[in-house]
Amino acid sequence: KVFGTNLNFSADMEAEVKMMPKQQDISLGGKIYFAGGNSRSEMDMTTMKGSQMTPQMIAQMKTMGMDKMVSISLADKKTAYMVYPGLQAYAKIEQSGANNAGTNDFKIETADLGAETLDGHPCLKKRYTVTNTKTGQTLVMTSWNATDLQNCPTKIEQSAWASGDSFKGNSATMLFKNVNLSKPDASLFAPPAGYKAYDSIQAMMRAEMMKHMSGAGAGSH
């Protein structure tokens, strides 16, 4: 609903997350691709800024090959991939468990908030309230949909589940720039050939940590 009738597009993305209870702000840049319900986001962790992010942490991510991160979500296959180009590896994540709730367990209410110009684009501002009818948890999203970009959003504000979970009070803002409405290449929605596959992110991290530990041990002799 948030992305309207746009089944295909790509854009540069700037994200800012506010995390409670310490009101930590984290911002980073990247790129997003969307095609027929499938999505891909590319994050450059070296652009991350925030009160908890230090130059030493960024340097460590680079050393470990984790400064670039790609997330691929395939809605039709209920599968996601976390890809780390620096490691030439990826982890496959089955999403079937997360989708057991089904769309019937969610109620979506939409409210029109009028017209507004954002970043030079005439936009229709809308608020979406998503309620899990089983748990009572509520997610509120506000979008600015550009009428000159086939109602593709140029900005989305999101507040996390408002009740019953540890993310209460968290919020996120995403800005979309340089929007391209052409269909992204299908190869973007699959992990690169030749990359090492892992069953979980934890298994991938353990394997990489072992490599670094063995490398450090070999260098100390």
C-alpha atoms as a PDB file:
ATOM      1  CA  LYS A   1       0.000   0.000   0.000  1.00  0.00           C
ATOM      2  CA  VAL A   2       2.788   2.403   0.890  1.00  0.00           C
ATOM      3  CA  PHE A   3       4.454   2.051  -2.510  1.00  0.00           C
ATOM      4  CA  GLY A   4       1.161   2.473  -4.362  1.00  0.00           C
ATOM      5  CA  THR A   5       1.021   1.031  -7.873  1.00  0.00           C
ATOM      6  CA  ASN A   6       4.812   0.990  -8.262  1.00  0.00           C
ATOM      7  CA  LEU A   7       5.935  -2.577  -8.801  1.00  0.00           C
ATOM      8  CA  ASN A   8       9.338  -1.565 -10.158  1.00  0.00           C
ATOM      9  CA  PHE A   9      11.756   1.191  -9.144  1.00  0.00           C
ATOM     10  CA  SER A  10      15.153   2.000  -7.677  1.00  0.00           C
ATOM     11  CA  ALA A  11      16.372   4.951  -5.624  1.00  0.00           C
ATOM     12  CA  ASP A  12      19.129   6.289  -3.414  1.00  0.00           C
ATOM     13  CA  MET A  13      18.085   5.971   0.218  1.00  0.00           C
ATOM     14  CA  GLU A  14      18.991   7.873   3.357  1.00  0.00           C
ATOM     15  CA  ALA A  15      17.824   6.292   6.615  1.00  0.00           C
ATOM     16  CA  GLU A  16      17.745   7.698  10.130  1.00  0.00           C
ATOM     17  CA  VAL A  17      16.766   5.589  13.140  1.00  0.00           C
ATOM     18  CA  LYS A  18      15.994   6.855  16.641  1.00  0.00           C
ATOM     19  CA  MET A  19      16.402   4.147  19.264  1.00  0.00           C
ATOM     20  CA  MET A  20      14.879   4.265  22.732  1.00  0.00           C
ATOM     21  CA  PRO A  21      15.284   4.430  25.666  1.00  0.00           C
ATOM     22  CA  LYS A  22      18.610   6.293  25.306  1.00  0.00           C
ATOM     23  CA  GLN A  23      17.417   8.243  22.233  1.00  0.00           C
ATOM     24  CA  GLN A  24      20.374   7.079  20.157  1.00  0.00           C
ATOM     25  CA  ASP A  25      20.338   8.436  16.609  1.00  0.00           C
ATOM     26  CA  ILE A  26      21.836   6.394  13.775  1.00  0.00           C
ATOM     27  CA  SER A  27      21.934   7.478  10.128  1.00  0.00           C
ATOM     28  CA  LEU A  28      23.345   5.816   7.025  1.00  0.00           C
ATOM     29  CA  GLY A  29      23.045   5.871   3.253  1.00  0.00           C
ATOM     30  CA  GLY A  30      22.406   3.223   0.638  1.00  0.00           C
ATOM     31  CA  LYS A  31      20.327   2.189  -2.343  1.00  0.00           C
ATOM     32  CA  ILE A  32      17.035   0.337  -2.701  1.00  0.00           C
ATOM     33  CA  TYR A  33      15.628  -1.717  -5.576  1.00  0.00           C
ATOM     34  CA  PHE A  34      12.041  -2.951  -5.842  1.00  0.00           C
ATOM     35  CA  ALA A  35      10.596  -5.345  -8.433  1.00  0.00           C
ATOM     36  CA  GLY A  36       7.223  -7.082  -8.283  1.00  0.00           C
ATOM     37  CA  GLY A  37       7.199  -7.359  -4.483  1.00  0.00           C
ATOM     38  CA  ASN A  38      10.853  -8.390  -4.184  1.00  0.00           C
ATOM     39  CA  SER A  39      13.318  -5.914  -2.709  1.00  0.00           C
ATOM     40  CA  ARG A  40      17.038  -5.307  -2.396  1.00  0.00           C
ATOM     41  CA  SER A  41      18.742  -2.782  -0.145  1.00  0.00           C
ATOM     42  CA  GLU A  42      22.436  -1.947  -0.241  1.00  0.00           C
ATOM     43  CA  MET A  43      23.989  -0.345   2.836  1.00  0.00           C
ATOM     44  CA  ASP A  44      27.409   1.248   3.139  1.00  0.00           C
ATOM     45  CA  MET A  45      28.239   0.933   6.832  1.00  0.00           C
ATOM     46  CA  THR A  46      31.098   3.439   6.481  1.00  0.00           C
ATOM     47  CA  THR A  47      28.470   6.179   6.044  1.00  0.00           C
ATOM     48  CA  MET A  48      26.877   5.298   9.389  1.00  0.00           C
ATOM     49  CA  LYS A  49      26.816   8.135  11.885  1.00  0.00           C
ATOM     50  CA  GLY A  50      25.610   8.092  15.469  1.00  0.00           C
ATOM     51  CA  SER A  51      26.494   8.540  19.097  1.00  0.00           C
ATOM     52  CA  GLN A  52      27.630   4.907  19.401  1.00  0.00           C
ATOM     53  CA  MET A  53      29.594   4.800  16.129  1.00  0.00           C
ATOM     54  CA  THR A  54      33.326   5.489  16.388  1.00  0.00           C
ATOM     55  CA  PRO A  55      36.027   5.619  13.669  1.00  0.00           C
ATOM     56  CA  GLN A  56      37.574   2.535  15.298  1.00  0.00           C
ATOM     57  CA  MET A  57      34.332   0.568  14.845  1.00  0.00           C
ATOM     58  CA  ILE A  58      34.129   1.571  11.174  1.00  0.00           C
ATOM     59  CA  ALA A  59      37.766   0.577  10.650  1.00  0.00           C
ATOM     60  CA  GLN A  60      37.091  -2.805  12.281  1.00  0.00           C
ATOM     61  CA  MET A  61      34.111  -3.439   9.987  1.00  0.00           C
ATOM     62  CA  LYS A  62      36.324  -2.686   6.986  1.00  0.00           C
ATOM     63  CA  THR A  63      39.023  -5.039   8.264  1.00  0.00           C
ATOM     64  CA  MET A  64      36.479  -7.836   8.685  1.00  0.00           C
ATOM     65  CA  GLY A  65      34.960  -7.213   5.247  1.00  0.00           C
ATOM     66  CA  MET A  66      31.611  -6.202   6.729  1.00  0.00           C
ATOM     67  CA  ASP A  67      31.515  -2.547   5.683  1.00  0.00           C
ATOM     68  CA  LYS A  68      29.142  -3.315   2.760  1.00  0.00           C
ATOM     69  CA  MET A  69      25.877  -5.177   3.382  1.00  0.00           C
ATOM     70  CA  VAL A  70      23.152  -6.242   0.921  1.00  0.00           C
ATOM     71  CA  SER A  71      19.719  -7.450   2.016  1.00  0.00           C
ATOM     72  CA  ILE A  72      17.567  -9.297  -0.550  1.00  0.00           C
ATOM     73  CA  SER A  73      13.958 -10.220   0.235  1.00  0.00           C
ATOM     74  CA  LEU A  74      11.979 -12.496  -2.107  1.00  0.00           C
ATOM     75  CA  ALA A  75       8.304 -12.229  -1.229  1.00  0.00           C
ATOM     76  CA  ASP A  76       7.198 -14.979  -3.613  1.00  0.00           C
ATOM     77  CA  LYS A  77       9.663 -17.498  -2.127  1.00  0.00           C
ATOM     78  CA  LYS A  78       9.412 -16.219   1.481  1.00  0.00           C
ATOM     79  CA  THR A  79      13.202 -16.161   1.532  1.00  0.00           C
ATOM     80  CA  ALA A  80      15.778 -13.501   2.366  1.00  0.00           C
ATOM     81  CA  TYR A  81      19.526 -13.273   1.859  1.00  0.00           C
ATOM     82  CA  MET A  82      22.072 -11.251   3.813  1.00  0.00           C
ATOM     83  CA  VAL A  83      25.025 -10.723   1.470  1.00  0.00           C
ATOM     84  CA  TYR A  84      28.450  -9.391   2.446  1.00  0.00           C
ATOM     85  CA  PRO A  85      30.463  -8.571  -0.727  1.00  0.00           C
ATOM     86  CA  GLY A  86      33.629  -8.053   1.331  1.00  0.00           C
ATOM     87  CA  LEU A  87      33.396 -11.644   2.576  1.00  0.00           C
ATOM     88  CA  GLN A  88      32.118 -13.024  -0.736  1.00  0.00           C
ATOM     89  CA  ALA A  89      29.547 -14.858   1.381  1.00  0.00           C
ATOM     90  CA  TYR A  90      25.842 -14.800   2.179  1.00  0.00           C
ATOM     91  CA  ALA A  91      23.347 -16.277   4.620  1.00  0.00           C
ATOM     92  CA  LYS A  92      19.952 -17.607   3.564  1.00  0.00           C
ATOM     93  CA  ILE A  93      17.054 -16.826   5.874  1.00  0.00           C
ATOM     94  CA  GLU A  94      13.747 -18.658   5.546  1.00  0.00           C
ATOM     95  CA  GLN A  95      10.836 -16.338   6.351  1.00  0.00           C
ATOM     96  CA  SER A  96       8.051 -18.923   6.518  1.00  0.00           C
ATOM     97  CA  GLY A  97       7.845 -18.731  10.297  1.00  0.00           C
ATOM     98  CA  ALA A  98       7.468 -14.974  10.271  1.00  0.00           C
ATOM     99  CA  ASN A  99       4.657 -15.231   7.741  1.00  0.00           C
ATOM    100  CA  ASN A 100       2.577 -17.749   9.657  1.00  0.00           C
ATOM    101  CA  ALA A 101       0.450 -14.908  10.997  1.00  0.00           C
ATOM    102  CA  GLY A 102      -0.917 -14.232   7.523  1.00  0.00           C
ATOM    103  CA  THR A 103      -2.451 -11.065   6.162  1.00  0.00           C
ATOM    104  CA  ASN A 104      -5.801 -11.856   7.807  1.00  0.00           C
ATOM    105  CA  ASP A 105      -4.238 -11.135  11.201  1.00  0.00           C
ATOM    106  CA  PHE A 106      -3.485  -7.523  10.273  1.00  0.00           C
ATOM    107  CA  LYS A 107      -5.890  -4.598   9.994  1.00  0.00           C
ATOM    108  CA  ILE A 108      -4.745  -1.621   7.918  1.00  0.00           C
ATOM    109  CA  GLU A 109      -6.334   1.808   8.280  1.00  0.00           C
ATOM    110  CA  THR A 110      -5.459   4.614   5.851  1.00  0.00           C
ATOM    111  CA  ALA A 111      -5.874   8.351   6.415  1.00  0.00           C
ATOM    112  CA  ASP A 112      -5.292  11.124   3.851  1.00  0.00           C
ATOM    113  CA  LEU A 113      -3.270  13.992   5.339  1.00  0.00           C
ATOM    114  CA  GLY A 114      -3.438  16.385   2.397  1.00  0.00           C
ATOM    115  CA  ALA A 115      -0.969  17.655  -0.188  1.00  0.00           C
ATOM    116  CA  GLU A 116       2.603  18.761   0.455  1.00  0.00           C
ATOM    117  CA  THR A 117       5.663  19.551  -1.658  1.00  0.00           C
ATOM    118  CA  LEU A 118       8.793  17.633  -0.691  1.00  0.00           C
ATOM    119  CA  ASP A 119      12.195  17.881  -2.390  1.00  0.00           C
ATOM    120  CA  GLY A 120      10.522  19.618  -5.333  1.00  0.00           C
ATOM    121  CA  HIS A 121       7.907  16.873  -5.817  1.00  0.00           C
ATOM    122  CA  PRO A 122       4.143  17.413  -5.327  1.00  0.00           C
ATOM    123  CA  CYS A 123       3.135  14.740  -2.824  1.00  0.00           C
ATOM    124  CA  LEU A 124       0.031  13.225  -1.299  1.00  0.00           C
ATOM    125  CA  LYS A 125       0.668  12.605   2.389  1.00  0.00           C
ATOM    126  CA  LYS A 126      -0.879   9.464   3.890  1.00  0.00           C
ATOM    127  CA  ARG A 127      -0.851   7.717   7.242  1.00  0.00           C
ATOM    128  CA  TYR A 128      -1.102   3.930   7.554  1.00  0.00           C
ATOM    129  CA  THR A 129      -1.971   2.310  10.879  1.00  0.00           C
ATOM    130  CA  VAL A 130      -1.248  -1.439  10.901  1.00  0.00           C
ATOM    131  CA  THR A 131      -2.693  -3.402  13.826  1.00  0.00           C
ATOM    132  CA  ASN A 132      -1.967  -7.043  14.639  1.00  0.00           C
ATOM    133  CA  THR A 133      -5.419  -8.270  15.649  1.00  0.00           C
ATOM    134  CA  LYS A 134      -3.923 -11.144  17.665  1.00  0.00           C
ATOM    135  CA  THR A 135      -1.437  -9.174  19.762  1.00  0.00           C
ATOM    136  CA  GLY A 136      -2.827  -5.649  19.632  1.00  0.00           C
ATOM    137  CA  GLN A 137       0.527  -4.277  18.487  1.00  0.00           C
ATOM    138  CA  THR A 138       0.348  -1.217  16.258  1.00  0.00           C
ATOM    139  CA  LEU A 139       2.706   0.151  13.615  1.00  0.00           C
ATOM    140  CA  VAL A 140       2.201   3.679  12.283  1.00  0.00           C
ATOM    141  CA  MET A 141       3.710   4.787   8.950  1.00  0.00           C
ATOM    142  CA  THR A 142       3.424   8.141   7.195  1.00  0.00           C
ATOM    143  CA  SER A 143       4.383   8.415   3.518  1.00  0.00           C
ATOM    144  CA  TRP A 144       4.846  11.282   1.078  1.00  0.00           C
ATOM    145  CA  ASN A 145       3.846   9.857  -2.332  1.00  0.00           C
ATOM    146  CA  ALA A 146       5.060  11.927  -5.304  1.00  0.00           C
ATOM    147  CA  THR A 147       2.311  12.356  -7.898  1.00  0.00           C
ATOM    148  CA  ASP A 148       4.921  13.087 -10.591  1.00  0.00           C
ATOM    149  CA  LEU A 149       6.636   9.741  -9.849  1.00  0.00           C
ATOM    150  CA  GLN A 150       3.574   7.495 -10.168  1.00  0.00           C
ATOM    151  CA  ASN A 151       2.917   7.937  -6.427  1.00  0.00           C
ATOM    152  CA  CYS A 152       6.289   6.475  -5.476  1.00  0.00           C
ATOM    153  CA  PRO A 153       7.182   7.654  -1.953  1.00  0.00           C
ATOM    154  CA  THR A 154       9.938  10.219  -1.508  1.00  0.00           C
ATOM    155  CA  LYS A 155       9.800   9.915   2.276  1.00  0.00           C
ATOM    156  CA  ILE A 156       8.510   7.378   4.811  1.00  0.00           C
ATOM    157  CA  GLU A 157       8.337   7.879   8.562  1.00  0.00           C
ATOM    158  CA  GLN A 158       7.752   4.821  10.715  1.00  0.00           C
ATOM    159  CA  SER A 159       7.205   4.301  14.423  1.00  0.00           C
ATOM    160  CA  ALA A 160       7.807   0.812  15.765  1.00  0.00           C
ATOM    161  CA  TRP A 161       5.171  -1.365  17.411  1.00  0.00           C
ATOM    162  CA  ALA A 162       3.548   0.968  19.919  1.00  0.00           C
ATOM    163  CA  SER A 163       2.789  -1.653  22.540  1.00  0.00           C
ATOM    164  CA  GLY A 164       3.933  -4.981  23.814  1.00  0.00           C
ATOM    165  CA  ASP A 165       7.499  -5.173  22.586  1.00  0.00           C
ATOM    166  CA  SER A 166      11.017  -3.957  23.310  1.00  0.00           C
ATOM    167  CA  PHE A 167      11.098  -1.626  20.300  1.00  0.00           C
ATOM    168  CA  LYS A 168       8.412   0.656  21.733  1.00  0.00           C
ATOM    169  CA  GLY A 169       9.246   4.278  21.021  1.00  0.00           C
ATOM    170  CA  ASN A 170      11.736   3.557  18.232  1.00  0.00           C
ATOM    171  CA  SER A 171      11.231   5.442  14.981  1.00  0.00           C
ATOM    172  CA  ALA A 172      12.764   5.517  11.511  1.00  0.00           C
ATOM    173  CA  THR A 173      12.780   7.989   8.616  1.00  0.00           C
ATOM    174  CA  MET A 174      13.671   7.005   5.047  1.00  0.00           C
ATOM    175  CA  LEU A 175      14.288   9.498   2.244  1.00  0.00           C
ATOM    176  CA  PHE A 176      14.266   8.341  -1.398  1.00  0.00           C
ATOM    177  CA  LYS A 177      16.132  10.391  -4.026  1.00  0.00           C
ATOM    178  CA  ASN A 178      17.054   9.964  -7.709  1.00  0.00           C
ATOM    179  CA  VAL A 179      14.043   7.680  -8.191  1.00  0.00           C
ATOM    180  CA  ASN A 180      14.196   5.529 -11.339  1.00  0.00           C
ATOM    181  CA  LEU A 181      10.900   3.919 -12.372  1.00  0.00           C
ATOM    182  CA  SER A 182      12.392   1.373 -14.779  1.00  0.00           C
ATOM    183  CA  LYS A 183      12.478  -2.309 -13.791  1.00  0.00           C
ATOM    184  CA  PRO A 184      15.714  -3.317 -12.007  1.00  0.00           C
ATOM    185  CA  ASP A 185      17.718  -6.191 -13.472  1.00  0.00           C
ATOM    186  CA  ALA A 186      16.587  -9.623 -12.229  1.00  0.00           C
ATOM    187  CA  SER A 187      20.168 -10.534 -11.275  1.00  0.00           C
ATOM    188  CA  LEU A 188      20.000  -8.016  -8.417  1.00  0.00           C
ATOM    189  CA  PHE A 189      17.536 -10.262  -6.587  1.00  0.00           C
ATOM    190  CA  ALA A 190      19.795 -13.298  -6.225  1.00  0.00           C
ATOM    191  CA  PRO A 191      23.060 -13.801  -4.328  1.00  0.00           C
ATOM    192  CA  PRO A 192      26.132 -13.600  -6.589  1.00  0.00           C
ATOM    193  CA  ALA A 193      27.359 -16.859  -8.106  1.00  0.00           C
ATOM    194  CA  GLY A 194      30.530 -18.131  -6.479  1.00  0.00           C
ATOM    195  CA  TYR A 195      29.812 -16.649  -3.050  1.00  0.00           C
ATOM    196  CA  LYS A 196      29.974 -19.060  -0.101  1.00  0.00           C
ATOM    197  CA  ALA A 197      26.528 -19.933   1.270  1.00  0.00           C
ATOM    198  CA  TYR A 198      25.685 -20.304   4.966  1.00  0.00           C
ATOM    199  CA  ASP A 199      22.513 -21.515   6.663  1.00  0.00           C
ATOM    200  CA  SER A 200      22.455 -18.591   9.092  1.00  0.00           C
ATOM    201  CA  ILE A 201      24.125 -15.268   9.819  1.00  0.00           C
ATOM    202  CA  GLN A 202      25.493 -16.758  13.052  1.00  0.00           C
ATOM    203  CA  ALA A 203      27.221 -19.580  11.149  1.00  0.00           C
ATOM    204  CA  MET A 204      28.735 -17.072   8.720  1.00  0.00           C
ATOM    205  CA  MET A 205      30.012 -14.864  11.554  1.00  0.00           C
ATOM    206  CA  ARG A 206      31.533 -17.855  13.383  1.00  0.00           C
ATOM    207  CA  ALA A 207      33.350 -18.996  10.247  1.00  0.00           C
ATOM    208  CA  GLU A 208      34.740 -15.509   9.566  1.00  0.00           C
ATOM    209  CA  MET A 209      35.817 -15.064  13.194  1.00  0.00           C
ATOM    210  CA  MET A 210      37.664 -18.381  13.032  1.00  0.00           C
ATOM    211  CA  LYS A 211      39.447 -17.228   9.861  1.00  0.00           C
ATOM    212  CA  HIS A 212      40.599 -14.017  11.545  1.00  0.00           C
ATOM    213  CA  MET A 213      41.663 -15.827  14.700  1.00  0.00           C
ATOM    214  CA  SER A 214      43.655 -18.405  12.776  1.00  0.00           C
ATOM    215  CA  GLY A 215      45.206 -15.683  10.642  1.00  0.00           C
ATOM    216  CA  ALA A 216      46.197 -13.698  13.721  1.00  0.00           C
ATOM    217  CA  GLY A 217      47.630 -16.841  15.321  1.00  0.00           C
ATOM    218  CA  ALA A 218      49.662 -17.668  12.244  1.00  0.00           C
ATOM    219  CA  GLY A 219      51.050 -14.171  12.120  1.00  0.00           C
ATOM    220  CA  SER A 220      52.185 -14.235  15.739  1.00  0.00           C
ATOM    221  CA  HIS A 221      54.566 -17.177  15.225  1.00  0.00           C
END
